[in-house]
Amino acid sequence: MGFPAEGLPLSYYRAKSFYVMRTDALDRFGTRLEQRFTRQEIEK
């Protein structure tokens, strides 16, 4: 289309294999336990 793809979401995976994208997605979205903290909780 004539414009750089670097600004598009997931453009990092453009030159990667499907295996890399699949394992990264499982790392991020497939965890059984996720605990988030606020900035104040971390600083405390």
PDB file of N, CA and C in Angstrom:
ATOM      1  N   MET A   1       0.814  -1.196   0.000  1.00  0.00           N
ATOM      2  CA  MET A   1       0.000   0.000   0.000  1.00  0.00           C
ATOM      3  C   MET A   1       0.857   1.259   0.000  1.00  0.00           C
ATOM      4  N   GLY A   2       2.139   1.116   0.246  1.00  0.00           N
ATOM      5  CA  GLY A   2       3.026   2.246   0.124  1.00  0.00           C
ATOM      6  C   GLY A   2       3.321   3.016   1.401  1.00  0.00           C
ATOM      7  N   PHE A   3       2.914   2.507   2.557  1.00  0.00           N
ATOM      8  CA  PHE A   3       3.248   3.180   3.811  1.00  0.00           C
ATOM      9  C   PHE A   3       3.964   2.193   4.724  1.00  0.00           C
ATOM     10  N   PRO A   4       4.781   2.698   5.661  1.00  0.00           N
ATOM     11  CA  PRO A   4       5.528   1.789   6.530  1.00  0.00           C
ATOM     12  C   PRO A   4       4.601   1.019   7.481  1.00  0.00           C
ATOM     13  N   ALA A   5       4.887  -0.256   7.665  1.00  0.00           N
ATOM     14  CA  ALA A   5       4.032  -1.105   8.497  1.00  0.00           C
ATOM     15  C   ALA A   5       4.426  -1.065   9.969  1.00  0.00           C
ATOM     16  N   GLU A   6       5.523  -0.398  10.313  1.00  0.00           N
ATOM     17  CA  GLU A   6       6.010  -0.409  11.685  1.00  0.00           C
ATOM     18  C   GLU A   6       4.999   0.142  12.694  1.00  0.00           C
ATOM     19  N   GLY A   7       4.128   1.030  12.269  1.00  0.00           N
ATOM     20  CA  GLY A   7       3.165   1.623  13.185  1.00  0.00           C
ATOM     21  C   GLY A   7       1.914   0.788  13.397  1.00  0.00           C
ATOM     22  N   LEU A   8       1.759  -0.276  12.653  1.00  0.00           N
ATOM     23  CA  LEU A   8       0.565  -1.103  12.758  1.00  0.00           C
ATOM     24  C   LEU A   8       0.663  -2.051  13.953  1.00  0.00           C
ATOM     25  N   PRO A   9      -0.468  -2.358  14.578  1.00  0.00           N
ATOM     26  CA  PRO A   9      -0.443  -3.328  15.669  1.00  0.00           C
ATOM     27  C   PRO A   9       0.090  -4.674  15.183  1.00  0.00           C
ATOM     28  N   LEU A  10       0.881  -5.311  15.988  1.00  0.00           N
ATOM     29  CA  LEU A  10       1.465  -6.623  15.716  1.00  0.00           C
ATOM     30  C   LEU A  10       2.433  -6.641  14.537  1.00  0.00           C
ATOM     31  N   SER A  11       2.927  -5.493  14.137  1.00  0.00           N
ATOM     32  CA  SER A  11       3.864  -5.467  13.009  1.00  0.00           C
ATOM     33  C   SER A  11       5.169  -6.194  13.353  1.00  0.00           C
ATOM     34  N   TYR A  12       5.475  -6.330  14.641  1.00  0.00           N
ATOM     35  CA  TYR A  12       6.663  -7.070  15.062  1.00  0.00           C
ATOM     36  C   TYR A  12       6.627  -8.503  14.532  1.00  0.00           C
ATOM     37  N   TYR A  13       5.453  -9.091  14.428  1.00  0.00           N
ATOM     38  CA  TYR A  13       5.316 -10.496  14.042  1.00  0.00           C
ATOM     39  C   TYR A  13       5.308 -10.711  12.538  1.00  0.00           C
ATOM     40  N   ARG A  14       5.437  -9.678  11.789  1.00  0.00           N
ATOM     41  CA  ARG A  14       5.385  -9.761  10.336  1.00  0.00           C
ATOM     42  C   ARG A  14       6.426 -10.710   9.766  1.00  0.00           C
ATOM     43  N   ALA A  15       7.633 -10.693  10.302  1.00  0.00           N
ATOM     44  CA  ALA A  15       8.696 -11.556   9.783  1.00  0.00           C
ATOM     45  C   ALA A  15       8.944 -12.772  10.670  1.00  0.00           C
ATOM     46  N   LYS A  16       8.060 -13.002  11.646  1.00  0.00           N
ATOM     47  CA  LYS A  16       8.217 -14.131  12.566  1.00  0.00           C
ATOM     48  C   LYS A  16       7.344 -15.289  12.109  1.00  0.00           C
ATOM     49  N   SER A  17       7.651 -16.465  12.623  1.00  0.00           N
ATOM     50  CA  SER A  17       6.842 -17.636  12.298  1.00  0.00           C
ATOM     51  C   SER A  17       5.559 -17.635  13.126  1.00  0.00           C
ATOM     52  N   PHE A  18       4.598 -18.425  12.683  1.00  0.00           N
ATOM     53  CA  PHE A  18       3.351 -18.537  13.434  1.00  0.00           C
ATOM     54  C   PHE A  18       3.617 -19.114  14.817  1.00  0.00           C
ATOM     55  N   TYR A  19       4.602 -19.983  14.940  1.00  0.00           N
ATOM     56  CA  TYR A  19       4.960 -20.577  16.234  1.00  0.00           C
ATOM     57  C   TYR A  19       5.319 -19.494  17.251  1.00  0.00           C
ATOM     58  N   VAL A  20       6.098 -18.509  16.845  1.00  0.00           N
ATOM     59  CA  VAL A  20       6.491 -17.419  17.746  1.00  0.00           C
ATOM     60  C   VAL A  20       5.258 -16.639  18.197  1.00  0.00           C
ATOM     61  N   MET A  21       4.371 -16.330  17.257  1.00  0.00           N
ATOM     62  CA  MET A  21       3.162 -15.586  17.614  1.00  0.00           C
ATOM     63  C   MET A  21       2.281 -16.408  18.554  1.00  0.00           C
ATOM     64  N   ARG A  22       2.168 -17.683  18.301  1.00  0.00           N
ATOM     65  CA  ARG A  22       1.335 -18.548  19.141  1.00  0.00           C
ATOM     66  C   ARG A  22       1.889 -18.648  20.552  1.00  0.00           C
ATOM     67  N   THR A  23       3.182 -18.862  20.687  1.00  0.00           N
ATOM     68  CA  THR A  23       3.754 -18.995  22.033  1.00  0.00           C
ATOM     69  C   THR A  23       3.731 -17.670  22.783  1.00  0.00           C
ATOM     70  N   ASP A  24       3.930 -16.559  22.097  1.00  0.00           N
ATOM     71  CA  ASP A  24       3.832 -15.251  22.760  1.00  0.00           C
ATOM     72  C   ASP A  24       2.410 -14.993  23.244  1.00  0.00           C
ATOM     73  N   ALA A  25       1.416 -15.366  22.454  1.00  0.00           N
ATOM     74  CA  ALA A  25       0.023 -15.173  22.850  1.00  0.00           C
ATOM     75  C   ALA A  25      -0.311 -16.040  24.060  1.00  0.00           C
ATOM     76  N   LEU A  26       0.204 -17.255  24.085  1.00  0.00           N
ATOM     77  CA  LEU A  26      -0.044 -18.122  25.242  1.00  0.00           C
ATOM     78  C   LEU A  26       0.627 -17.569  26.490  1.00  0.00           C
ATOM     79  N   ASP A  27       1.806 -17.004  26.344  1.00  0.00           N
ATOM     80  CA  ASP A  27       2.484 -16.389  27.490  1.00  0.00           C
ATOM     81  C   ASP A  27       1.663 -15.238  28.049  1.00  0.00           C
ATOM     82  N   ARG A  28       1.043 -14.469  27.193  1.00  0.00           N
ATOM     83  CA  ARG A  28       0.331 -13.274  27.640  1.00  0.00           C
ATOM     84  C   ARG A  28      -1.101 -13.565  28.055  1.00  0.00           C
ATOM     85  N   PHE A  29      -1.808 -14.363  27.282  1.00  0.00           N
ATOM     86  CA  PHE A  29      -3.239 -14.547  27.507  1.00  0.00           C
ATOM     87  C   PHE A  29      -3.602 -15.916  28.061  1.00  0.00           C
ATOM     88  N   GLY A  30      -2.666 -16.847  28.115  1.00  0.00           N
ATOM     89  CA  GLY A  30      -2.995 -18.202  28.549  1.00  0.00           C
ATOM     90  C   GLY A  30      -2.578 -18.535  29.959  1.00  0.00           C
ATOM     91  N   THR A  31      -2.164 -17.533  30.720  1.00  0.00           N
ATOM     92  CA  THR A  31      -1.732 -17.816  32.082  1.00  0.00           C
ATOM     93  C   THR A  31      -2.934 -18.135  32.962  1.00  0.00           C
ATOM     94  N   ARG A  32      -2.755 -19.063  33.876  1.00  0.00           N
ATOM     95  CA  ARG A  32      -3.839 -19.440  34.771  1.00  0.00           C
ATOM     96  C   ARG A  32      -3.998 -18.444  35.904  1.00  0.00           C
ATOM     97  N   LEU A  33      -2.904 -17.847  36.326  1.00  0.00           N
ATOM     98  CA  LEU A  33      -2.946 -16.918  37.443  1.00  0.00           C
ATOM     99  C   LEU A  33      -2.264 -15.631  37.032  1.00  0.00           C
ATOM    100  N   GLU A  34      -2.951 -14.557  37.197  1.00  0.00           N
ATOM    101  CA  GLU A  34      -2.368 -13.251  36.890  1.00  0.00           C
ATOM    102  C   GLU A  34      -2.725 -12.321  38.028  1.00  0.00           C
ATOM    103  N   GLN A  35      -1.737 -11.640  38.526  1.00  0.00           N
ATOM    104  CA  GLN A  35      -1.965 -10.701  39.618  1.00  0.00           C
ATOM    105  C   GLN A  35      -1.397  -9.353  39.217  1.00  0.00           C
ATOM    106  N   ARG A  36      -2.226  -8.333  39.253  1.00  0.00           N
ATOM    107  CA  ARG A  36      -1.804  -6.992  38.871  1.00  0.00           C
ATOM    108  C   ARG A  36      -1.702  -6.120  40.106  1.00  0.00           C
ATOM    109  N   PHE A  37      -0.791  -5.163  40.057  1.00  0.00           N
ATOM    110  CA  PHE A  37      -0.559  -4.260  41.167  1.00  0.00           C
ATOM    111  C   PHE A  37      -0.662  -2.823  40.683  1.00  0.00           C
ATOM    112  N   THR A  38      -1.117  -1.948  41.577  1.00  0.00           N
ATOM    113  CA  THR A  38      -1.115  -0.529  41.270  1.00  0.00           C
ATOM    114  C   THR A  38       0.277   0.023  41.549  1.00  0.00           C
ATOM    115  N   ARG A  39       0.554   1.192  41.054  1.00  0.00           N
ATOM    116  CA  ARG A  39       1.860   1.816  41.298  1.00  0.00           C
ATOM    117  C   ARG A  39       2.093   2.017  42.794  1.00  0.00           C
ATOM    118  N   GLN A  40       1.052   2.425  43.513  1.00  0.00           N
ATOM    119  CA  GLN A  40       1.177   2.645  44.957  1.00  0.00           C
ATOM    120  C   GLN A  40       1.484   1.335  45.693  1.00  0.00           C
ATOM    121  N   GLU A  41       0.891   0.233  45.280  1.00  0.00           N
ATOM    122  CA  GLU A  41       1.173  -1.053  45.910  1.00  0.00           C
ATOM    123  C   GLU A  41       2.627  -1.469  45.686  1.00  0.00           C
ATOM    124  N   ILE A  42       3.140  -1.225  44.514  1.00  0.00           N
ATOM    125  CA  ILE A  42       4.532  -1.575  44.211  1.00  0.00           C
ATOM    126  C   ILE A  42       5.488  -0.713  45.027  1.00  0.00           C
ATOM    127  N   GLU A  43       5.199   0.584  45.100  1.00  0.00           N
ATOM    128  CA  GLU A  43       6.079   1.477  45.849  1.00  0.00           C
ATOM    129  C   GLU A  43       6.053   1.183  47.343  1.00  0.00           C
ATOM    130  N   LYS A  44       4.910   0.710  47.835  1.00  0.00           N
ATOM    131  CA  LYS A  44       4.794   0.377  49.259  1.00  0.00           C
ATOM    132  C   LYS A  44       5.624  -0.850  49.571  1.00  0.00           C
TER     133      LYS A  44
END
